Amino acid sequence: MSSKISDILLIRNNAFKVSILSRENLLIYNIDVEVSKLFSRNLVRFRKLKNLSQRKLAEETGLTQRMINIYENSPNSIPVNKLSILAEALEVGIQDFFERKNNDLLDKIDERWLKKLAEIKELPESNQKAIVHHMNIIIENHRFKLEKSKA
């Protein structure tokens, strides 16, 4: 998805405390703490969904890994052109960074698992089904042992 000025206007219309300032022809989003956390969580979520490390995202965007780290942990202002670059690299709209979604499950998943899932996704469907079948057997055996130990 391409990020456009209409995306920026959509964010303002969602009643987030986001203001656009112009400083030497550079537009910057100043965001409050709640929106900052929301942006950070979504940035991490989108990066993980694309199976990218901070370093790889930095390479793809031309930003530094340090800036990616800052945006993921404690941004208080974000240049609009950087939002656009990140959105394009992650194939999302700018407004997607500010959407409230339940990210708890994805936030808890170790990146190594996400990489494995990406590798599994590249396998033929029959191999994917075999992996899921084996996982289900292991999970059911584990549940059975737990129930047996409680009895």
N, C-alpha and C. Protein backbone atom coordinates (compact mmCIF):
# COMPACT_ATOMS: atom_id res chain seq x y z
N MET A 1 0.82 -1.17 0.00
CA MET A 1 0.00 0.00 0.00
C MET A 1 0.87 1.24 0.00
N SER A 2 0.48 2.19 -0.74
CA SER A 2 1.21 3.45 -0.77
C SER A 2 0.64 4.38 0.29
N SER A 3 1.53 5.10 0.97
CA SER A 3 1.09 6.05 1.98
C SER A 3 0.95 7.42 1.33
N LYS A 4 -0.18 8.05 1.56
CA LYS A 4 -0.47 9.32 0.92
C LYS A 4 -0.89 10.34 1.96
N ILE A 5 -1.01 11.58 1.52
CA ILE A 5 -1.49 12.63 2.41
C ILE A 5 -2.88 12.28 2.94
N SER A 6 -3.71 11.59 2.14
CA SER A 6 -5.04 11.20 2.63
C SER A 6 -4.92 10.29 3.85
N ASP A 7 -3.85 9.47 3.91
CA ASP A 7 -3.61 8.64 5.08
C ASP A 7 -3.39 9.53 6.30
N ILE A 8 -2.63 10.60 6.12
CA ILE A 8 -2.32 11.51 7.21
C ILE A 8 -3.60 12.17 7.72
N LEU A 9 -4.45 12.60 6.79
CA LEU A 9 -5.71 13.24 7.19
C LEU A 9 -6.60 12.25 7.91
N LEU A 10 -6.59 10.99 7.49
CA LEU A 10 -7.39 9.96 8.14
C LEU A 10 -6.97 9.80 9.60
N ILE A 11 -5.68 9.85 9.86
CA ILE A 11 -5.19 9.73 11.22
C ILE A 11 -5.72 10.88 12.07
N ARG A 12 -5.67 12.08 11.56
CA ARG A 12 -6.17 13.24 12.31
C ARG A 12 -7.66 13.10 12.58
N ASN A 13 -8.39 12.53 11.64
CA ASN A 13 -9.83 12.39 11.81
C ASN A 13 -10.20 11.29 12.80
N ASN A 14 -9.28 10.43 13.14
CA ASN A 14 -9.54 9.37 14.11
C ASN A 14 -9.43 9.86 15.54
N ALA A 15 -9.30 11.16 15.74
CA ALA A 15 -9.28 11.80 17.05
C ALA A 15 -8.10 11.38 17.91
N PHE A 16 -7.04 10.93 17.30
CA PHE A 16 -5.81 10.70 18.06
C PHE A 16 -5.19 12.05 18.33
N LYS A 17 -4.44 12.12 19.39
CA LYS A 17 -3.75 13.37 19.70
C LYS A 17 -2.47 13.44 18.87
N VAL A 18 -2.66 13.72 17.61
CA VAL A 18 -1.54 13.79 16.67
C VAL A 18 -1.58 15.17 16.03
N SER A 19 -0.48 15.86 16.05
CA SER A 19 -0.46 17.15 15.38
C SER A 19 0.65 17.15 14.34
N ILE A 20 0.42 17.88 13.27
CA ILE A 20 1.40 17.97 12.20
C ILE A 20 2.02 19.36 12.27
N LEU A 21 3.31 19.40 12.37
CA LEU A 21 4.04 20.66 12.43
C LEU A 21 4.92 20.78 11.20
N SER A 22 5.13 21.99 10.78
CA SER A 22 6.03 22.22 9.67
C SER A 22 7.25 22.95 10.20
N ARG A 23 8.41 22.36 10.06
CA ARG A 23 9.65 22.98 10.51
C ARG A 23 10.65 22.85 9.37
N GLU A 24 10.96 23.95 8.75
CA GLU A 24 11.86 23.97 7.60
C GLU A 24 11.43 22.97 6.53
N ASN A 25 10.15 23.03 6.19
CA ASN A 25 9.56 22.17 5.16
C ASN A 25 9.60 20.69 5.50
N LEU A 26 9.80 20.36 6.77
CA LEU A 26 9.80 18.95 7.19
C LEU A 26 8.58 18.75 8.08
N LEU A 27 7.67 17.90 7.65
CA LEU A 27 6.49 17.62 8.46
C LEU A 27 6.85 16.59 9.53
N ILE A 28 6.38 16.84 10.73
CA ILE A 28 6.67 15.94 11.84
C ILE A 28 5.38 15.65 12.59
N TYR A 29 5.18 14.38 12.95
CA TYR A 29 4.07 14.03 13.82
C TYR A 29 4.57 14.16 15.26
N ASN A 30 3.91 14.98 16.04
CA ASN A 30 4.15 14.97 17.49
C ASN A 30 3.02 14.16 18.08
N ILE A 31 3.36 13.15 18.84
CA ILE A 31 2.33 12.23 19.30
C ILE A 31 2.37 12.09 20.82
N ASP A 32 1.22 11.87 21.41
CA ASP A 32 1.19 11.70 22.86
C ASP A 32 1.68 10.30 23.22
N VAL A 33 1.85 10.07 24.51
CA VAL A 33 2.45 8.82 24.99
C VAL A 33 1.64 7.60 24.57
N GLU A 34 0.32 7.65 24.70
CA GLU A 34 -0.51 6.50 24.35
C GLU A 34 -0.38 6.16 22.86
N VAL A 35 -0.44 7.17 22.03
CA VAL A 35 -0.32 6.94 20.59
C VAL A 35 1.10 6.49 20.24
N SER A 36 2.08 7.01 20.97
CA SER A 36 3.46 6.61 20.76
C SER A 36 3.63 5.10 21.00
N LYS A 37 3.02 4.62 22.09
CA LYS A 37 3.09 3.18 22.40
C LYS A 37 2.37 2.36 21.33
N LEU A 38 1.25 2.87 20.89
CA LEU A 38 0.48 2.20 19.85
C LEU A 38 1.29 2.10 18.56
N PHE A 39 1.90 3.21 18.17
CA PHE A 39 2.75 3.22 16.98
C PHE A 39 3.89 2.21 17.13
N SER A 40 4.56 2.24 18.27
CA SER A 40 5.70 1.35 18.50
C SER A 40 5.30 -0.11 18.42
N ARG A 41 4.19 -0.47 19.10
CA ARG A 41 3.73 -1.87 19.06
C ARG A 41 3.40 -2.30 17.64
N ASN A 42 2.72 -1.43 16.90
CA ASN A 42 2.35 -1.79 15.53
C ASN A 42 3.57 -1.87 14.63
N LEU A 43 4.53 -0.99 14.82
CA LEU A 43 5.76 -1.06 14.02
C LEU A 43 6.46 -2.39 14.24
N VAL A 44 6.59 -2.78 15.50
CA VAL A 44 7.22 -4.08 15.82
C VAL A 44 6.40 -5.22 15.22
N ARG A 45 5.08 -5.14 15.36
CA ARG A 45 4.20 -6.20 14.84
C ARG A 45 4.35 -6.34 13.33
N PHE A 46 4.32 -5.23 12.61
CA PHE A 46 4.44 -5.29 11.15
C PHE A 46 5.82 -5.80 10.74
N ARG A 47 6.85 -5.38 11.47
CA ARG A 47 8.21 -5.84 11.15
C ARG A 47 8.31 -7.35 11.35
N LYS A 48 7.74 -7.84 12.45
CA LYS A 48 7.79 -9.28 12.73
C LYS A 48 6.97 -10.06 11.70
N LEU A 49 5.81 -9.51 11.32
CA LEU A 49 4.99 -10.19 10.32
C LEU A 49 5.72 -10.33 8.99
N LYS A 50 6.58 -9.38 8.69
CA LYS A 50 7.38 -9.44 7.46
C LYS A 50 8.67 -10.23 7.67
N ASN A 51 8.85 -10.75 8.91
CA ASN A 51 10.02 -11.55 9.25
C ASN A 51 11.32 -10.76 9.03
N LEU A 52 11.31 -9.51 9.47
CA LEU A 52 12.48 -8.64 9.32
C LEU A 52 13.09 -8.33 10.68
N SER A 53 14.40 -8.32 10.72
CA SER A 53 15.09 -7.81 11.91
C SER A 53 15.12 -6.29 11.81
N GLN A 54 15.49 -5.64 12.90
CA GLN A 54 15.63 -4.19 12.84
C GLN A 54 16.69 -3.80 11.80
N ARG A 55 17.76 -4.57 11.77
CA ARG A 55 18.85 -4.27 10.81
C ARG A 55 18.36 -4.40 9.37
N LYS A 56 17.60 -5.47 9.09
CA LYS A 56 17.11 -5.67 7.73
C LYS A 56 16.11 -4.58 7.34
N LEU A 57 15.23 -4.18 8.27
CA LEU A 57 14.29 -3.10 7.98
C LEU A 57 15.06 -1.80 7.73
N ALA A 58 16.10 -1.57 8.50
CA ALA A 58 16.92 -0.38 8.30
C ALA A 58 17.54 -0.39 6.90
N GLU A 59 18.05 -1.53 6.48
CA GLU A 59 18.63 -1.65 5.14
C GLU A 59 17.60 -1.38 4.06
N GLU A 60 16.39 -1.91 4.24
CA GLU A 60 15.34 -1.74 3.24
C GLU A 60 14.81 -0.32 3.15
N THR A 61 14.90 0.42 4.26
CA THR A 61 14.33 1.77 4.29
C THR A 61 15.37 2.87 4.12
N GLY A 62 16.63 2.52 4.32
CA GLY A 62 17.67 3.56 4.28
C GLY A 62 17.80 4.29 5.61
N LEU A 63 17.03 3.86 6.61
CA LEU A 63 17.14 4.42 7.95
C LEU A 63 18.23 3.66 8.70
N THR A 64 18.66 4.19 9.82
CA THR A 64 19.64 3.46 10.62
C THR A 64 18.92 2.50 11.56
N GLN A 65 19.63 1.46 11.97
CA GLN A 65 19.05 0.53 12.93
C GLN A 65 18.75 1.26 14.23
N ARG A 66 19.57 2.22 14.60
CA ARG A 66 19.33 3.02 15.81
C ARG A 66 17.99 3.74 15.72
N MET A 67 17.67 4.31 14.56
CA MET A 67 16.39 5.01 14.41
C MET A 67 15.22 4.03 14.50
N ILE A 68 15.36 2.86 13.87
CA ILE A 68 14.31 1.84 13.97
C ILE A 68 14.09 1.50 15.44
N ASN A 69 15.18 1.31 16.17
CA ASN A 69 15.11 0.98 17.59
C ASN A 69 14.39 2.09 18.37
N ILE A 70 14.72 3.34 18.09
CA ILE A 70 14.06 4.47 18.76
C ILE A 70 12.58 4.48 18.44
N TYR A 71 12.23 4.30 17.16
CA TYR A 71 10.82 4.31 16.77
C TYR A 71 10.06 3.16 17.43
N GLU A 72 10.73 2.03 17.66
CA GLU A 72 10.07 0.88 18.27
C GLU A 72 9.97 0.99 19.79
N ASN A 73 10.77 1.86 20.38
CA ASN A 73 10.81 1.91 21.85
C ASN A 73 10.37 3.21 22.48
N SER A 74 10.68 4.33 21.89
CA SER A 74 10.31 5.58 22.57
C SER A 74 10.23 6.78 21.63
N PRO A 75 9.43 6.69 20.59
CA PRO A 75 9.35 7.86 19.71
C PRO A 75 8.47 8.94 20.33
N ASN A 76 8.90 10.19 20.22
CA ASN A 76 8.02 11.27 20.64
C ASN A 76 7.68 12.16 19.46
N SER A 77 8.43 12.03 18.40
CA SER A 77 8.06 12.69 17.15
C SER A 77 8.61 11.85 16.01
N ILE A 78 7.86 11.80 14.93
CA ILE A 78 8.22 10.96 13.81
C ILE A 78 8.06 11.79 12.53
N PRO A 79 9.13 12.00 11.79
CA PRO A 79 8.98 12.73 10.53
C PRO A 79 8.03 11.97 9.60
N VAL A 80 7.13 12.70 8.98
CA VAL A 80 6.14 12.08 8.10
C VAL A 80 6.81 11.31 6.98
N ASN A 81 7.90 11.84 6.44
CA ASN A 81 8.55 11.11 5.36
C ASN A 81 9.10 9.78 5.85
N LYS A 82 9.47 9.68 7.13
CA LYS A 82 9.94 8.40 7.69
C LYS A 82 8.76 7.45 7.86
N LEU A 83 7.61 7.98 8.28
CA LEU A 83 6.41 7.14 8.37
C LEU A 83 6.08 6.55 7.01
N SER A 84 6.17 7.37 6.00
CA SER A 84 5.87 6.93 4.64
C SER A 84 6.86 5.85 4.19
N ILE A 85 8.12 6.04 4.49
CA ILE A 85 9.16 5.06 4.12
C ILE A 85 8.91 3.74 4.83
N LEU A 86 8.62 3.81 6.14
CA LEU A 86 8.35 2.59 6.91
C LEU A 86 7.10 1.88 6.40
N ALA A 87 6.05 2.67 6.14
CA ALA A 87 4.80 2.08 5.66
C ALA A 87 5.00 1.37 4.33
N GLU A 88 5.75 1.99 3.44
CA GLU A 88 6.00 1.38 2.13
C GLU A 88 6.80 0.09 2.27
N ALA A 89 7.84 0.11 3.09
CA ALA A 89 8.68 -1.09 3.27
C ALA A 89 7.90 -2.23 3.90
N LEU A 90 6.98 -1.90 4.80
CA LEU A 90 6.20 -2.92 5.50
C LEU A 90 4.88 -3.24 4.81
N GLU A 91 4.63 -2.54 3.70
CA GLU A 91 3.43 -2.75 2.89
C GLU A 91 2.15 -2.52 3.69
N VAL A 92 2.11 -1.41 4.42
CA VAL A 92 0.94 -0.99 5.17
C VAL A 92 0.70 0.49 4.89
N GLY A 93 -0.46 0.97 5.28
CA GLY A 93 -0.73 2.40 5.18
C GLY A 93 -0.27 3.10 6.45
N ILE A 94 -0.02 4.38 6.37
CA ILE A 94 0.41 5.13 7.55
C ILE A 94 -0.60 4.96 8.68
N GLN A 95 -1.89 5.00 8.35
CA GLN A 95 -2.91 4.90 9.40
C GLN A 95 -2.83 3.57 10.14
N ASP A 96 -2.30 2.52 9.50
CA ASP A 96 -2.20 1.22 10.15
C ASP A 96 -1.30 1.26 11.39
N PHE A 97 -0.32 2.16 11.41
CA PHE A 97 0.55 2.28 12.57
C PHE A 97 -0.21 2.77 13.80
N PHE A 98 -1.36 3.39 13.58
CA PHE A 98 -2.10 4.02 14.67
C PHE A 98 -3.40 3.29 15.00
N GLU A 99 -3.60 2.11 14.42
CA GLU A 99 -4.81 1.34 14.69
C GLU A 99 -4.63 0.51 15.95
N ARG A 100 -5.70 0.44 16.72
CA ARG A 100 -5.68 -0.35 17.95
C ARG A 100 -6.10 -1.78 17.61
N LYS A 101 -5.18 -2.69 17.79
CA LYS A 101 -5.47 -4.10 17.59
C LYS A 101 -4.84 -4.86 18.73
N ASN A 102 -5.39 -6.03 19.02
CA ASN A 102 -4.84 -6.86 20.06
C ASN A 102 -3.57 -7.53 19.54
N ASN A 103 -2.44 -7.04 19.99
CA ASN A 103 -1.15 -7.55 19.53
C ASN A 103 -0.50 -8.47 20.56
N ASP A 104 -1.20 -8.75 21.66
CA ASP A 104 -0.57 -9.46 22.75
C ASP A 104 0.04 -10.79 22.32
N LEU A 105 -0.67 -11.57 21.55
CA LEU A 105 -0.16 -12.88 21.15
C LEU A 105 1.09 -12.74 20.31
N LEU A 106 1.05 -11.88 19.31
CA LEU A 106 2.22 -11.71 18.44
C LEU A 106 3.39 -11.12 19.21
N ASP A 107 3.12 -10.22 20.15
CA ASP A 107 4.20 -9.62 20.93
C ASP A 107 4.94 -10.67 21.76
N LYS A 108 4.25 -11.75 22.12
CA LYS A 108 4.86 -12.78 22.96
C LYS A 108 5.63 -13.82 22.15
N ILE A 109 5.46 -13.82 20.84
CA ILE A 109 6.12 -14.84 20.01
C ILE A 109 7.57 -14.45 19.77
N ASP A 110 8.44 -15.38 20.07
CA ASP A 110 9.87 -15.19 19.86
C ASP A 110 10.13 -15.07 18.35
N GLU A 111 11.04 -14.19 17.97
CA GLU A 111 11.35 -13.98 16.55
C GLU A 111 11.84 -15.25 15.87
N ARG A 112 12.49 -16.14 16.62
CA ARG A 112 12.96 -17.39 16.02
C ARG A 112 11.80 -18.23 15.52
N TRP A 113 10.67 -18.20 16.27
CA TRP A 113 9.48 -18.93 15.84
C TRP A 113 8.90 -18.31 14.58
N LEU A 114 8.90 -17.00 14.53
CA LEU A 114 8.37 -16.33 13.33
C LEU A 114 9.21 -16.67 12.10
N LYS A 115 10.52 -16.76 12.29
CA LYS A 115 11.39 -17.13 11.17
C LYS A 115 11.10 -18.56 10.73
N LYS A 116 10.90 -19.44 11.70
CA LYS A 116 10.58 -20.84 11.36
C LYS A 116 9.24 -20.91 10.63
N LEU A 117 8.26 -20.14 11.11
CA LEU A 117 6.96 -20.12 10.44
C LEU A 117 7.10 -19.63 9.00
N ALA A 118 7.94 -18.65 8.79
CA ALA A 118 8.17 -18.16 7.43
C ALA A 118 8.81 -19.24 6.57
N GLU A 119 9.73 -20.01 7.15
CA GLU A 119 10.36 -21.11 6.41
C GLU A 119 9.33 -22.20 6.09
N ILE A 120 8.49 -22.52 7.07
CA ILE A 120 7.45 -23.54 6.87
C ILE A 120 6.50 -23.11 5.76
N LYS A 121 6.18 -21.83 5.73
CA LYS A 121 5.27 -21.30 4.72
C LYS A 121 5.81 -21.53 3.30
N GLU A 122 7.11 -21.63 3.16
CA GLU A 122 7.74 -21.83 1.84
C GLU A 122 7.76 -23.31 1.42
N LEU A 123 7.45 -24.20 2.34
CA LEU A 123 7.44 -25.63 2.03
C LEU A 123 6.21 -26.00 1.22
N PRO A 124 6.27 -27.13 0.52
CA PRO A 124 5.06 -27.62 -0.16
C PRO A 124 3.94 -27.86 0.86
N GLU A 125 2.71 -27.74 0.39
CA GLU A 125 1.55 -27.85 1.28
C GLU A 125 1.52 -29.19 2.02
N SER A 126 1.91 -30.26 1.36
CA SER A 126 1.91 -31.57 2.02
C SER A 126 2.87 -31.59 3.21
N ASN A 127 4.02 -30.93 3.08
CA ASN A 127 4.97 -30.85 4.19
C ASN A 127 4.42 -29.97 5.31
N GLN A 128 3.74 -28.88 4.94
CA GLN A 128 3.13 -28.01 5.94
C GLN A 128 2.10 -28.80 6.75
N LYS A 129 1.27 -29.58 6.07
CA LYS A 129 0.25 -30.37 6.75
C LYS A 129 0.89 -31.40 7.68
N ALA A 130 1.99 -32.01 7.24
CA ALA A 130 2.69 -32.99 8.07
C ALA A 130 3.23 -32.33 9.34
N ILE A 131 3.78 -31.14 9.20
CA ILE A 131 4.31 -30.42 10.36
C ILE A 131 3.19 -30.10 11.34
N VAL A 132 2.07 -29.60 10.84
CA VAL A 132 0.93 -29.28 11.70
C VAL A 132 0.42 -30.53 12.39
N HIS A 133 0.36 -31.64 11.66
CA HIS A 133 -0.08 -32.91 12.24
C HIS A 133 0.84 -33.32 13.40
N HIS A 134 2.14 -33.25 13.19
CA HIS A 134 3.10 -33.62 14.25
C HIS A 134 3.00 -32.67 15.44
N MET A 135 2.82 -31.40 15.17
CA MET A 135 2.66 -30.43 16.25
C MET A 135 1.42 -30.74 17.07
N ASN A 136 0.33 -31.07 16.40
CA ASN A 136 -0.91 -31.39 17.11
C ASN A 136 -0.75 -32.62 17.99
N ILE A 137 -0.03 -33.62 17.51
CA ILE A 137 0.21 -34.83 18.31
C ILE A 137 1.02 -34.48 19.55
N ILE A 138 2.07 -33.70 19.38
CA ILE A 138 2.91 -33.31 20.52
C ILE A 138 2.11 -32.51 21.53
N ILE A 139 1.31 -31.57 21.06
CA ILE A 139 0.50 -30.73 21.95
C ILE A 139 -0.52 -31.59 22.70
N GLU A 140 -1.18 -32.49 22.00
CA GLU A 140 -2.17 -33.37 22.65
C GLU A 140 -1.50 -34.27 23.69
N ASN A 141 -0.32 -34.79 23.38
CA ASN A 141 0.40 -35.62 24.36
C ASN A 141 0.76 -34.80 25.59
N HIS A 142 1.16 -33.57 25.38
CA HIS A 142 1.50 -32.69 26.51
C HIS A 142 0.26 -32.42 27.37
N ARG A 143 -0.85 -32.11 26.73
CA ARG A 143 -2.10 -31.86 27.47
C ARG A 143 -2.53 -33.10 28.26
N PHE A 144 -2.39 -34.26 27.63
CA PHE A 144 -2.76 -35.52 28.29
C PHE A 144 -1.90 -35.72 29.54
N LYS A 145 -0.59 -35.48 29.42
CA LYS A 145 0.30 -35.65 30.57
C LYS A 145 -0.05 -34.65 31.69
N LEU A 146 -0.40 -33.43 31.30
CA LEU A 146 -0.79 -32.45 32.32
C LEU A 146 -2.05 -32.87 33.07
N GLU A 147 -3.04 -33.33 32.29
CA GLU A 147 -4.29 -33.77 32.92
C GLU A 147 -4.06 -34.99 33.80
N LYS A 148 -3.22 -35.89 33.36
CA LYS A 148 -2.92 -37.11 34.12
C LYS A 148 -2.20 -36.76 35.42
N SER A 149 -1.30 -35.76 35.37
CA SER A 149 -0.57 -35.38 36.59
C SER A 149 -1.46 -34.66 37.59
N LYS A 150 -2.54 -34.01 37.12
CA LYS A 150 -3.47 -33.32 38.02
C LYS A 150 -4.41 -34.30 38.71
N ALA A 151 -4.63 -35.45 38.08
CA ALA A 151 -5.60 -36.42 38.63
C ALA A 151 -5.03 -37.23 39.76
